[in-house]
PDB file of N, CA and C in Angstrom:
ATOM      1  N   UNK A   1     -14.083 -75.667  23.517  1.00  0.00           N
ATOM      2  CA  UNK A   1     -13.158 -75.294  22.475  1.00  0.00           C
ATOM      3  C   UNK A   1     -12.994 -73.778  22.481  1.00  0.00           C
ATOM      4  N   UNK A   2     -11.834 -73.291  22.746  1.00  0.00           N
ATOM      5  CA  UNK A   2     -11.540 -71.855  22.734  1.00  0.00           C
ATOM      6  C   UNK A   2     -11.228 -71.420  21.304  1.00  0.00           C
ATOM      7  N   UNK A   3     -11.764 -70.256  20.895  1.00  0.00           N
ATOM      8  CA  UNK A   3     -11.491 -69.799  19.534  1.00  0.00           C
ATOM      9  C   UNK A   3     -10.028 -69.426  19.323  1.00  0.00           C
ATOM     10  N   UNK A   4      -9.576 -69.632  18.113  1.00  0.00           N
ATOM     11  CA  UNK A   4      -8.271 -69.177  17.660  1.00  0.00           C
ATOM     12  C   UNK A   4      -8.515 -68.339  16.417  1.00  0.00           C
ATOM     13  N   UNK A   5      -7.515 -67.750  15.864  1.00  0.00           N
ATOM     14  CA  UNK A   5      -7.682 -66.974  14.642  1.00  0.00           C
ATOM     15  C   UNK A   5      -7.298 -65.518  14.846  1.00  0.00           C
ATOM     16  N   UNK A   6      -7.490 -64.705  13.816  1.00  0.00           N
ATOM     17  CA  UNK A   6      -7.080 -63.309  13.807  1.00  0.00           C
ATOM     18  C   UNK A   6      -8.224 -62.390  14.235  1.00  0.00           C
ATOM     19  N   UNK A   7      -7.849 -61.212  14.776  1.00  0.00           N
ATOM     20  CA  UNK A   7      -8.822 -60.186  15.150  1.00  0.00           C
ATOM     21  C   UNK A   7      -8.243 -58.811  14.846  1.00  0.00           C
ATOM     22  N   UNK A   8      -9.128 -57.804  14.819  1.00  0.00           N
ATOM     23  CA  UNK A   8      -8.712 -56.420  14.621  1.00  0.00           C
ATOM     24  C   UNK A   8      -9.445 -55.531  15.616  1.00  0.00           C
ATOM     25  N   UNK A   9      -8.782 -54.468  16.062  1.00  0.00           N
ATOM     26  CA  UNK A   9      -9.399 -53.408  16.858  1.00  0.00           C
ATOM     27  C   UNK A   9      -9.473 -52.202  15.920  1.00  0.00           C
ATOM     28  N   UNK A  10     -10.697 -51.674  15.719  1.00  0.00           N
ATOM     29  CA  UNK A  10     -10.891 -50.585  14.765  1.00  0.00           C
ATOM     30  C   UNK A  10     -11.505 -49.360  15.419  1.00  0.00           C
ATOM     31  N   UNK A  11     -11.141 -48.206  14.902  1.00  0.00           N
ATOM     32  CA  UNK A  11     -11.781 -46.930  15.242  1.00  0.00           C
ATOM     33  C   UNK A  11     -12.259 -46.378  13.910  1.00  0.00           C
ATOM     34  N   UNK A  12     -13.582 -46.451  13.692  1.00  0.00           N
ATOM     35  CA  UNK A  12     -14.114 -46.131  12.370  1.00  0.00           C
ATOM     36  C   UNK A  12     -13.596 -47.156  11.375  1.00  0.00           C
ATOM     37  N   UNK A  13     -13.055 -46.696  10.258  1.00  0.00           N
ATOM     38  CA  UNK A  13     -12.505 -47.621   9.267  1.00  0.00           C
ATOM     39  C   UNK A  13     -11.015 -47.886   9.481  1.00  0.00           C
ATOM     40  N   UNK A  14     -10.412 -47.202  10.456  1.00  0.00           N
ATOM     41  CA  UNK A  14      -8.978 -47.352  10.716  1.00  0.00           C
ATOM     42  C   UNK A  14      -8.702 -48.549  11.626  1.00  0.00           C
ATOM     43  N   UNK A  15      -7.780 -49.407  11.221  1.00  0.00           N
ATOM     44  CA  UNK A  15      -7.367 -50.546  12.045  1.00  0.00           C
ATOM     45  C   UNK A  15      -6.279 -50.061  12.996  1.00  0.00           C
ATOM     46  N   UNK A  16      -6.572 -50.086  14.301  1.00  0.00           N
ATOM     47  CA  UNK A  16      -5.607 -49.638  15.308  1.00  0.00           C
ATOM     48  C   UNK A  16      -4.605 -50.721  15.658  1.00  0.00           C
ATOM     49  N   UNK A  17      -5.084 -51.924  15.804  1.00  0.00           N
ATOM     50  CA  UNK A  17      -4.234 -53.066  16.149  1.00  0.00           C
ATOM     51  C   UNK A  17      -4.859 -54.326  15.561  1.00  0.00           C
ATOM     52  N   UNK A  18      -4.043 -55.333  15.353  1.00  0.00           N
ATOM     53  CA  UNK A  18      -4.528 -56.652  14.969  1.00  0.00           C
ATOM     54  C   UNK A  18      -3.670 -57.680  15.685  1.00  0.00           C
ATOM     55  N   UNK A  19      -4.187 -58.867  15.785  1.00  0.00           N
ATOM     56  CA  UNK A  19      -3.451 -59.898  16.482  1.00  0.00           C
ATOM     57  C   UNK A  19      -4.069 -61.263  16.274  1.00  0.00           C
ATOM     58  N   UNK A  20      -3.586 -62.226  17.032  1.00  0.00           N
ATOM     59  CA  UNK A  20      -4.041 -63.606  16.941  1.00  0.00           C
ATOM     60  C   UNK A  20      -4.488 -64.087  18.314  1.00  0.00           C
ATOM     61  N   UNK A  21      -5.648 -64.715  18.352  1.00  0.00           N
ATOM     62  CA  UNK A  21      -6.134 -65.319  19.595  1.00  0.00           C
ATOM     63  C   UNK A  21      -5.402 -66.627  19.846  1.00  0.00           C
ATOM     64  N   UNK A  22      -5.045 -66.851  21.099  1.00  0.00           N
ATOM     65  CA  UNK A  22      -4.447 -68.109  21.529  1.00  0.00           C
ATOM     66  C   UNK A  22      -5.249 -68.595  22.716  1.00  0.00           C
ATOM     67  N   UNK A  23      -5.858 -69.749  22.579  1.00  0.00           N
ATOM     68  CA  UNK A  23      -6.741 -70.298  23.622  1.00  0.00           C
ATOM     69  C   UNK A  23      -7.853 -69.319  23.974  1.00  0.00           C
ATOM     70  N   UNK A  24      -8.345 -68.586  22.972  1.00  0.00           N
ATOM     71  CA  UNK A  24      -9.464 -67.672  23.173  1.00  0.00           C
ATOM     72  C   UNK A  24      -9.091 -66.336  23.788  1.00  0.00           C
ATOM     73  N   UNK A  25      -7.803 -66.037  23.938  1.00  0.00           N
ATOM     74  CA  UNK A  25      -7.374 -64.799  24.596  1.00  0.00           C
ATOM     75  C   UNK A  25      -6.301 -64.083  23.788  1.00  0.00           C
ATOM     76  N   UNK A  26      -6.232 -62.777  23.994  1.00  0.00           N
ATOM     77  CA  UNK A  26      -5.170 -61.969  23.391  1.00  0.00           C
ATOM     78  C   UNK A  26      -4.937 -60.755  24.281  1.00  0.00           C
ATOM     79  N   UNK A  27      -3.736 -60.255  24.280  1.00  0.00           N
ATOM     80  CA  UNK A  27      -3.395 -59.031  25.002  1.00  0.00           C
ATOM     81  C   UNK A  27      -2.845 -58.042  23.988  1.00  0.00           C
ATOM     82  N   UNK A  28      -3.399 -56.818  24.001  1.00  0.00           N
ATOM     83  CA  UNK A  28      -2.930 -55.793  23.076  1.00  0.00           C
ATOM     84  C   UNK A  28      -2.691 -54.491  23.826  1.00  0.00           C
ATOM     85  N   UNK A  29      -1.933 -53.611  23.238  1.00  0.00           N
ATOM     86  CA  UNK A  29      -1.745 -52.257  23.746  1.00  0.00           C
ATOM     87  C   UNK A  29      -2.251 -51.306  22.673  1.00  0.00           C
ATOM     88  N   UNK A  30      -3.204 -50.470  23.042  1.00  0.00           N
ATOM     89  CA  UNK A  30      -3.746 -49.503  22.093  1.00  0.00           C
ATOM     90  C   UNK A  30      -2.816 -48.313  21.963  1.00  0.00           C
ATOM     91  N   UNK A  31      -2.824 -47.668  20.789  1.00  0.00           N
ATOM     92  CA  UNK A  31      -1.998 -46.466  20.631  1.00  0.00           C
ATOM     93  C   UNK A  31      -2.559 -45.331  21.471  1.00  0.00           C
ATOM     94  N   UNK A  32      -1.731 -44.338  21.766  1.00  0.00           N
ATOM     95  CA  UNK A  32      -2.201 -43.162  22.499  1.00  0.00           C
ATOM     96  C   UNK A  32      -3.005 -42.284  21.551  1.00  0.00           C
ATOM     97  N   UNK A  33      -4.125 -41.784  22.045  1.00  0.00           N
ATOM     98  CA  UNK A  33      -4.954 -40.880  21.261  1.00  0.00           C
ATOM     99  C   UNK A  33      -4.514 -39.447  21.535  1.00  0.00           C
ATOM    100  N   UNK A  34      -4.698 -38.564  20.563  1.00  0.00           N
ATOM    101  CA  UNK A  34      -4.239 -37.181  20.680  1.00  0.00           C
ATOM    102  C   UNK A  34      -5.053 -36.369  21.678  1.00  0.00           C
ATOM    103  N   UNK A  35      -6.355 -36.670  21.798  1.00  0.00           N
ATOM    104  CA  UNK A  35      -7.233 -35.919  22.696  1.00  0.00           C
ATOM    105  C   UNK A  35      -7.862 -36.859  23.714  1.00  0.00           C
ATOM    106  N   UNK A  36      -8.106 -36.329  24.903  1.00  0.00           N
ATOM    107  CA  UNK A  36      -8.809 -37.085  25.926  1.00  0.00           C
ATOM    108  C   UNK A  36     -10.304 -36.909  25.664  1.00  0.00           C
ATOM    109  N   UNK A  37     -10.969 -37.986  25.276  1.00  0.00           N
ATOM    110  CA  UNK A  37     -12.412 -37.990  25.043  1.00  0.00           C
ATOM    111  C   UNK A  37     -12.860 -39.430  24.884  1.00  0.00           C
ATOM    112  N   UNK A  38     -14.141 -39.629  24.673  1.00  0.00           N
ATOM    113  CA  UNK A  38     -14.652 -40.980  24.439  1.00  0.00           C
ATOM    114  C   UNK A  38     -14.402 -41.380  22.991  1.00  0.00           C
ATOM    115  N   UNK A  39     -13.986 -42.613  22.786  1.00  0.00           N
ATOM    116  CA  UNK A  39     -13.753 -43.152  21.456  1.00  0.00           C
ATOM    117  C   UNK A  39     -14.563 -44.429  21.303  1.00  0.00           C
ATOM    118  N   UNK A  40     -15.255 -44.565  20.189  1.00  0.00           N
ATOM    119  CA  UNK A  40     -15.976 -45.801  19.890  1.00  0.00           C
ATOM    120  C   UNK A  40     -15.039 -46.777  19.201  1.00  0.00           C
ATOM    121  N   UNK A  41     -14.817 -47.920  19.801  1.00  0.00           N
ATOM    122  CA  UNK A  41     -13.942 -48.935  19.233  1.00  0.00           C
ATOM    123  C   UNK A  41     -14.756 -50.150  18.841  1.00  0.00           C
ATOM    124  N   UNK A  42     -14.281 -50.857  17.853  1.00  0.00           N
ATOM    125  CA  UNK A  42     -14.964 -52.065  17.384  1.00  0.00           C
ATOM    126  C   UNK A  42     -13.942 -53.196  17.334  1.00  0.00           C
ATOM    127  N   UNK A  43     -14.307 -54.325  17.900  1.00  0.00           N
ATOM    128  CA  UNK A  43     -13.464 -55.517  17.848  1.00  0.00           C
ATOM    129  C   UNK A  43     -14.050 -56.435  16.786  1.00  0.00           C
ATOM    130  N   UNK A  44     -13.226 -56.806  15.823  1.00  0.00           N
ATOM    131  CA  UNK A  44     -13.664 -57.671  14.731  1.00  0.00           C
ATOM    132  C   UNK A  44     -12.872 -58.969  14.791  1.00  0.00           C
ATOM    133  N   UNK A  45     -13.592 -60.064  14.987  1.00  0.00           N
ATOM    134  CA  UNK A  45     -12.979 -61.393  14.962  1.00  0.00           C
ATOM    135  C   UNK A  45     -13.095 -61.895  13.531  1.00  0.00           C
ATOM    136  N   UNK A  46     -11.979 -62.184  12.902  1.00  0.00           N
ATOM    137  CA  UNK A  46     -11.964 -62.533  11.486  1.00  0.00           C
ATOM    138  C   UNK A  46     -12.281 -64.002  11.231  1.00  0.00           C
ATOM    139  N   UNK A  47     -12.454 -64.768  12.286  1.00  0.00           N
ATOM    140  CA  UNK A  47     -12.851 -66.160  12.147  1.00  0.00           C
ATOM    141  C   UNK A  47     -11.669 -67.103  12.027  1.00  0.00           C
ATOM    142  N   UNK A  48     -12.001 -68.374  11.989  1.00  0.00           N
ATOM    143  CA  UNK A  48     -11.009 -69.425  11.808  1.00  0.00           C
ATOM    144  C   UNK A  48     -11.688 -70.541  11.022  1.00  0.00           C
ATOM    145  N   UNK A  49     -10.996 -71.627  10.851  1.00  0.00           N
ATOM    146  CA  UNK A  49     -11.593 -72.748  10.126  1.00  0.00           C
ATOM    147  C   UNK A  49     -12.729 -73.401  10.902  1.00  0.00           C
ATOM    148  N   UNK A  50     -12.802 -73.148  12.229  1.00  0.00           N
ATOM    149  CA  UNK A  50     -13.819 -73.794  13.059  1.00  0.00           C
ATOM    150  C   UNK A  50     -14.836 -72.836  13.659  1.00  0.00           C
ATOM    151  N   UNK A  51     -14.534 -71.524  13.665  1.00  0.00           N
ATOM    152  CA  UNK A  51     -15.418 -70.533  14.302  1.00  0.00           C
ATOM    153  C   UNK A  51     -15.699 -69.414  13.299  1.00  0.00           C
ATOM    154  N   UNK A  52     -16.998 -69.028  13.166  1.00  0.00           N
ATOM    155  CA  UNK A  52     -17.379 -67.975  12.222  1.00  0.00           C
ATOM    156  C   UNK A  52     -16.908 -66.614  12.692  1.00  0.00           C
ATOM    157  N   UNK A  53     -16.755 -65.678  11.749  1.00  0.00           N
ATOM    158  CA  UNK A  53     -16.356 -64.319  12.090  1.00  0.00           C
ATOM    159  C   UNK A  53     -17.475 -63.609  12.860  1.00  0.00           C
ATOM    160  N   UNK A  54     -17.095 -62.564  13.628  1.00  0.00           N
ATOM    161  CA  UNK A  54     -18.036 -61.844  14.467  1.00  0.00           C
ATOM    162  C   UNK A  54     -17.454 -60.476  14.786  1.00  0.00           C
ATOM    163  N   UNK A  55     -18.272 -59.586  15.385  1.00  0.00           N
ATOM    164  CA  UNK A  55     -17.768 -58.285  15.825  1.00  0.00           C
ATOM    165  C   UNK A  55     -18.572 -57.792  17.015  1.00  0.00           C
ATOM    166  N   UNK A  56     -17.983 -56.823  17.718  1.00  0.00           N
ATOM    167  CA  UNK A  56     -18.613 -56.202  18.869  1.00  0.00           C
ATOM    168  C   UNK A  56     -18.132 -54.761  18.968  1.00  0.00           C
ATOM    169  N   UNK A  57     -19.018 -53.878  19.369  1.00  0.00           N
ATOM    170  CA  UNK A  57     -18.656 -52.455  19.518  1.00  0.00           C
ATOM    171  C   UNK A  57     -18.721 -52.068  20.989  1.00  0.00           C
ATOM    172  N   UNK A  58     -17.862 -51.122  21.353  1.00  0.00           N
ATOM    173  CA  UNK A  58     -17.897 -50.610  22.732  1.00  0.00           C
ATOM    174  C   UNK A  58     -17.593 -49.143  22.718  1.00  0.00           C
TER     175      UNK A  58
END
């Protein structure tokens, strides 16, 4: 069973993008950042009726 439901890509408390998983996958385009450097991003899966919410940082 592939997860479905909504997700968010966050930088700190700011939501950069959000979307919906289809068959466990999603494709997004991140906004351009003003400076070239490392950015810590967090992916937040908001859950669905069948799968609990979760998150991961990179």
